[in-house]
């Protein structure tokens, strides 16, 4: 059998006889160095130099779902999630914390993230956690336009200009059949709130007073960009 000289995380974990989740956590806390062959591969020398016992000892005692992590964060913030009510910290909010790199998904199936509760507990002590969660509150296109105080058509021009992009999509069912389902974009509240500061050259008060049927100045910006790129 040919000697293996490069290892991905699965192969490296197998070489050390530890679960992939343990390998990922050990990498997060610095026991495993960053890949030295490519963005996702380690050299044989790097893997053989590791202390397998130390990596194994770093294994999380348990893993929790985003739903359970949300419950723990909400409890720590003094706003526990209640049944039949909109959760103070939803599974979606936890998935955004993962996307921001504040929590590490240890699962091999990203549809069903698994988290280290010790990291969840550590995150819950951050003084700015409420502000982070508030910025990650999801808004649909209509809600985003309302928050900015502009027409929906103006918000769509912002999207065409590349000023704002969805952070995720939600599946909304219209009717009883799959044909009635649609994927609705969701935008981060913080990203929406940042737009006026990111584009100070726009006359936002004037944009906010435009009435139905009035021409949007953003349309001209978009046309000018398309003309310049052609």
Protein backbone atom coordinates (compact mmCIF):
# COMPACT_ATOMS: atom_id res chain seq x y z
CA UNK A 1 0.00 0.00 0.00
CA UNK A 2 1.33 3.43 -0.95
CA UNK A 3 2.50 5.66 1.88
CA UNK A 4 0.11 8.56 2.48
CA UNK A 5 1.83 11.95 2.54
CA UNK A 6 -1.21 14.25 2.84
CA UNK A 7 -4.20 13.99 5.15
CA UNK A 8 -7.56 15.71 5.15
CA UNK A 9 -9.33 16.10 8.49
CA UNK A 10 -11.11 12.74 8.25
CA UNK A 11 -7.92 10.88 7.38
CA UNK A 12 -5.91 12.71 10.03
CA UNK A 13 -8.52 11.97 12.71
CA UNK A 14 -8.51 8.32 11.68
CA UNK A 15 -4.71 8.24 11.92
CA UNK A 16 -4.90 9.56 15.50
CA UNK A 17 -7.85 7.25 16.27
CA UNK A 18 -10.13 10.13 17.33
CA UNK A 19 -13.54 11.30 16.04
CA UNK A 20 -13.55 14.08 13.45
CA UNK A 21 -15.44 16.25 15.94
CA UNK A 22 -12.52 15.91 18.35
CA UNK A 23 -10.03 16.82 15.61
CA UNK A 24 -12.05 19.94 14.74
CA UNK A 25 -12.29 21.06 18.33
CA UNK A 26 -8.58 20.44 18.92
CA UNK A 27 -7.86 22.59 15.88
CA UNK A 28 -10.14 25.33 17.24
CA UNK A 29 -8.26 25.50 20.54
CA UNK A 30 -4.83 25.34 18.90
CA UNK A 31 -3.78 21.74 19.59
CA UNK A 32 -3.90 21.06 15.86
CA UNK A 33 -2.03 23.52 13.63
CA UNK A 34 -3.45 25.05 10.48
CA UNK A 35 -3.09 22.89 7.33
CA UNK A 36 0.40 23.08 5.85
CA UNK A 37 -0.14 21.39 2.46
CA UNK A 38 -3.30 23.10 1.23
CA UNK A 39 -6.31 24.87 2.69
CA UNK A 40 -7.66 21.52 3.86
CA UNK A 41 -4.71 19.10 4.04
CA UNK A 42 -1.91 18.43 6.52
CA UNK A 43 1.44 16.84 5.77
CA UNK A 44 2.37 13.45 7.17
CA UNK A 45 5.04 15.09 9.30
CA UNK A 46 2.52 17.53 10.81
CA UNK A 47 0.10 14.74 11.72
CA UNK A 48 2.81 12.48 13.16
CA UNK A 49 4.11 15.35 15.30
CA UNK A 50 0.79 15.70 17.11
CA UNK A 51 0.22 14.45 20.65
CA UNK A 52 -2.65 12.01 20.06
CA UNK A 53 -3.35 11.81 23.80
CA UNK A 54 -3.72 15.58 24.13
CA UNK A 55 -5.99 15.73 21.09
CA UNK A 56 -8.10 12.88 22.48
CA UNK A 57 -8.32 14.57 25.88
CA UNK A 58 -9.77 17.69 24.23
CA UNK A 59 -12.87 15.76 23.09
CA UNK A 60 -16.09 17.56 24.15
CA UNK A 61 -18.05 15.54 26.70
CA UNK A 62 -21.29 16.18 24.80
CA UNK A 63 -22.60 17.96 21.73
CA UNK A 64 -25.79 19.99 21.48
CA UNK A 65 -28.05 21.12 18.64
CA UNK A 66 -28.62 24.78 17.66
CA UNK A 67 -32.04 24.52 19.31
CA UNK A 68 -30.52 23.45 22.63
CA UNK A 69 -27.71 26.00 22.29
CA UNK A 70 -30.34 28.70 21.74
CA UNK A 71 -32.13 27.61 24.91
CA UNK A 72 -28.91 27.80 26.91
CA UNK A 73 -27.98 31.22 25.54
CA UNK A 74 -31.49 32.56 26.18
CA UNK A 75 -31.40 31.22 29.74
CA UNK A 76 -28.02 32.84 30.37
CA UNK A 77 -29.31 36.17 29.05
CA UNK A 78 -32.26 36.03 31.44
CA UNK A 79 -34.82 35.66 28.64
CA UNK A 80 -35.50 31.90 28.55
CA UNK A 81 -37.17 30.47 25.48
CA UNK A 82 -40.79 29.62 26.21
CA UNK A 83 -42.98 27.06 24.48
CA UNK A 84 -45.49 28.48 21.98
CA UNK A 85 -43.66 31.83 21.92
CA UNK A 86 -41.12 33.33 19.56
CA UNK A 87 -37.78 32.21 21.06
CA UNK A 88 -35.49 34.87 22.46
CA UNK A 89 -32.57 32.99 20.85
CA UNK A 90 -33.75 30.83 17.97
CA UNK A 91 -32.00 28.00 16.18
CA UNK A 92 -31.64 30.40 13.25
CA UNK A 93 -29.83 32.91 15.49
CA UNK A 94 -27.43 30.18 16.58
CA UNK A 95 -26.76 29.27 12.94
CA UNK A 96 -25.85 32.92 12.33
CA UNK A 97 -23.44 32.77 15.29
CA UNK A 98 -21.87 29.75 13.58
CA UNK A 99 -21.64 31.69 10.30
CA UNK A 100 -19.90 34.55 12.16
CA UNK A 101 -17.32 32.12 13.54
CA UNK A 102 -18.44 32.62 17.14
CA UNK A 103 -19.49 28.98 17.44
CA UNK A 104 -17.89 25.98 15.74
CA UNK A 105 -20.04 23.40 13.97
CA UNK A 106 -18.52 20.03 14.82
CA UNK A 107 -20.93 17.99 12.71
CA UNK A 108 -20.05 16.35 9.41
CA UNK A 109 -23.60 17.10 8.22
CA UNK A 110 -24.07 20.87 8.08
CA UNK A 111 -27.84 20.46 7.86
CA UNK A 112 -27.72 19.31 11.48
CA UNK A 113 -25.02 21.31 13.29
CA UNK A 114 -23.56 20.05 16.56
CA UNK A 115 -21.91 22.37 19.07
CA UNK A 116 -19.69 22.11 22.10
CA UNK A 117 -21.77 23.30 25.08
CA UNK A 118 -18.60 24.61 26.76
CA UNK A 119 -18.16 27.04 23.87
CA UNK A 120 -21.85 27.98 24.09
CA UNK A 121 -21.41 28.72 27.79
CA UNK A 122 -18.32 30.83 27.10
CA UNK A 123 -20.15 32.81 24.42
CA UNK A 124 -23.04 33.47 26.80
CA UNK A 125 -20.72 35.52 29.02
CA UNK A 126 -19.93 38.08 26.30
CA UNK A 127 -21.27 41.48 27.27
CA UNK A 128 -22.03 42.31 23.62
CA UNK A 129 -23.99 39.13 22.89
CA UNK A 130 -27.40 40.90 22.96
CA UNK A 131 -26.13 43.42 20.39
CA UNK A 132 -24.73 40.66 18.19
CA UNK A 133 -28.04 38.79 18.28
CA UNK A 134 -29.98 41.99 17.55
CA UNK A 135 -27.85 42.62 14.45
CA UNK A 136 -28.53 39.09 13.24
CA UNK A 137 -32.32 39.36 13.51
CA UNK A 138 -33.64 38.26 10.09
CA UNK A 139 -35.66 40.60 7.89
CA UNK A 140 -37.54 39.79 4.71
CA UNK A 141 -37.36 42.21 1.75
CA UNK A 142 -40.48 44.13 2.81
CA UNK A 143 -39.27 44.36 6.41
CA UNK A 144 -35.83 45.51 5.25
CA UNK A 145 -37.34 48.25 3.08
CA UNK A 146 -39.58 49.37 5.96
CA UNK A 147 -36.63 49.51 8.35
CA UNK A 148 -34.72 51.72 5.91
CA UNK A 149 -37.81 53.84 5.34
CA UNK A 150 -37.70 53.35 1.57
CA UNK A 151 -39.97 51.80 -1.03
CA UNK A 152 -39.58 48.13 -1.86
CA UNK A 153 -38.53 49.08 -5.41
CA UNK A 154 -35.67 51.20 -4.04
CA UNK A 155 -34.53 48.32 -1.86
CA UNK A 156 -34.50 46.06 -4.93
CA UNK A 157 -32.27 48.60 -6.70
CA UNK A 158 -29.88 48.37 -3.74
CA UNK A 159 -29.75 44.64 -4.25
CA UNK A 160 -29.02 45.08 -7.97
CA UNK A 161 -26.24 47.49 -7.10
CA UNK A 162 -24.69 44.84 -4.87
CA UNK A 163 -25.07 46.86 -1.69
CA UNK A 164 -26.83 44.12 0.21
CA UNK A 165 -27.13 40.35 -0.12
CA UNK A 166 -29.23 37.78 1.74
CA UNK A 167 -27.56 35.91 4.57
CA UNK A 168 -29.92 32.96 4.06
CA UNK A 169 -33.25 31.91 2.57
CA UNK A 170 -36.38 30.64 4.26
CA UNK A 171 -38.82 28.27 2.63
CA UNK A 172 -42.35 29.63 2.75
CA UNK A 173 -45.31 27.45 1.83
CA UNK A 174 -48.18 28.98 -0.13
CA UNK A 175 -50.99 26.45 -0.35
CA UNK A 176 -50.89 22.71 0.20
CA UNK A 177 -48.60 21.66 -2.66
CA UNK A 178 -44.85 21.86 -3.14
CA UNK A 179 -45.48 24.00 -6.19
CA UNK A 180 -46.74 26.68 -3.83
CA UNK A 181 -43.44 26.92 -1.93
CA UNK A 182 -41.03 29.81 -2.36
CA UNK A 183 -37.57 30.61 -1.02
CA UNK A 184 -37.66 34.07 0.53
CA UNK A 185 -34.37 35.92 1.11
CA UNK A 186 -33.48 36.92 4.65
CA UNK A 187 -31.28 39.89 5.44
CA UNK A 188 -29.35 40.71 8.59
CA UNK A 189 -30.77 43.66 10.53
CA UNK A 190 -27.24 44.88 11.18
CA UNK A 191 -26.38 44.81 7.47
CA UNK A 192 -29.53 46.82 6.72
CA UNK A 193 -28.75 49.36 9.45
CA UNK A 194 -25.23 49.83 8.07
CA UNK A 195 -26.35 50.83 4.56
CA UNK A 196 -26.79 54.61 5.14
CA UNK A 197 -23.31 54.85 6.70
CA UNK A 198 -21.79 52.75 3.93
CA UNK A 199 -23.31 54.96 1.21
CA UNK A 200 -23.19 58.54 2.52
CA UNK A 201 -23.22 59.93 -1.03
CA UNK A 202 -26.90 59.00 -1.31
CA UNK A 203 -29.49 61.59 -0.31
CA UNK A 204 -31.30 59.28 2.10
CA UNK A 205 -33.91 61.83 3.29
CA UNK A 206 -34.91 62.46 -0.35
CA UNK A 207 -34.94 58.73 -1.10
CA UNK A 208 -37.26 58.17 1.84
CA UNK A 209 -39.78 60.74 0.61
CA UNK A 210 -40.24 59.28 -2.88
CA UNK A 211 -43.84 58.42 -3.67
CA UNK A 212 -45.43 55.67 -5.71
CA UNK A 213 -44.47 55.88 -9.38
CA UNK A 214 -41.62 58.34 -8.87
CA UNK A 215 -38.32 57.52 -10.55
CA UNK A 216 -35.66 56.11 -8.25
CA UNK A 217 -32.22 57.79 -8.37
CA UNK A 218 -30.74 54.35 -7.68
CA UNK A 219 -31.93 53.19 -11.08
CA UNK A 220 -29.60 55.69 -12.75
CA UNK A 221 -26.69 54.42 -10.65
CA UNK A 222 -27.41 50.89 -11.75
CA UNK A 223 -27.73 51.90 -15.40
CA UNK A 224 -24.47 53.83 -15.21
CA UNK A 225 -22.67 50.86 -13.73
CA UNK A 226 -24.02 48.51 -16.40
CA UNK A 227 -23.01 50.97 -19.15
CA UNK A 228 -19.50 51.35 -17.74
CA UNK A 229 -19.00 47.58 -17.58
CA UNK A 230 -20.20 46.96 -21.16
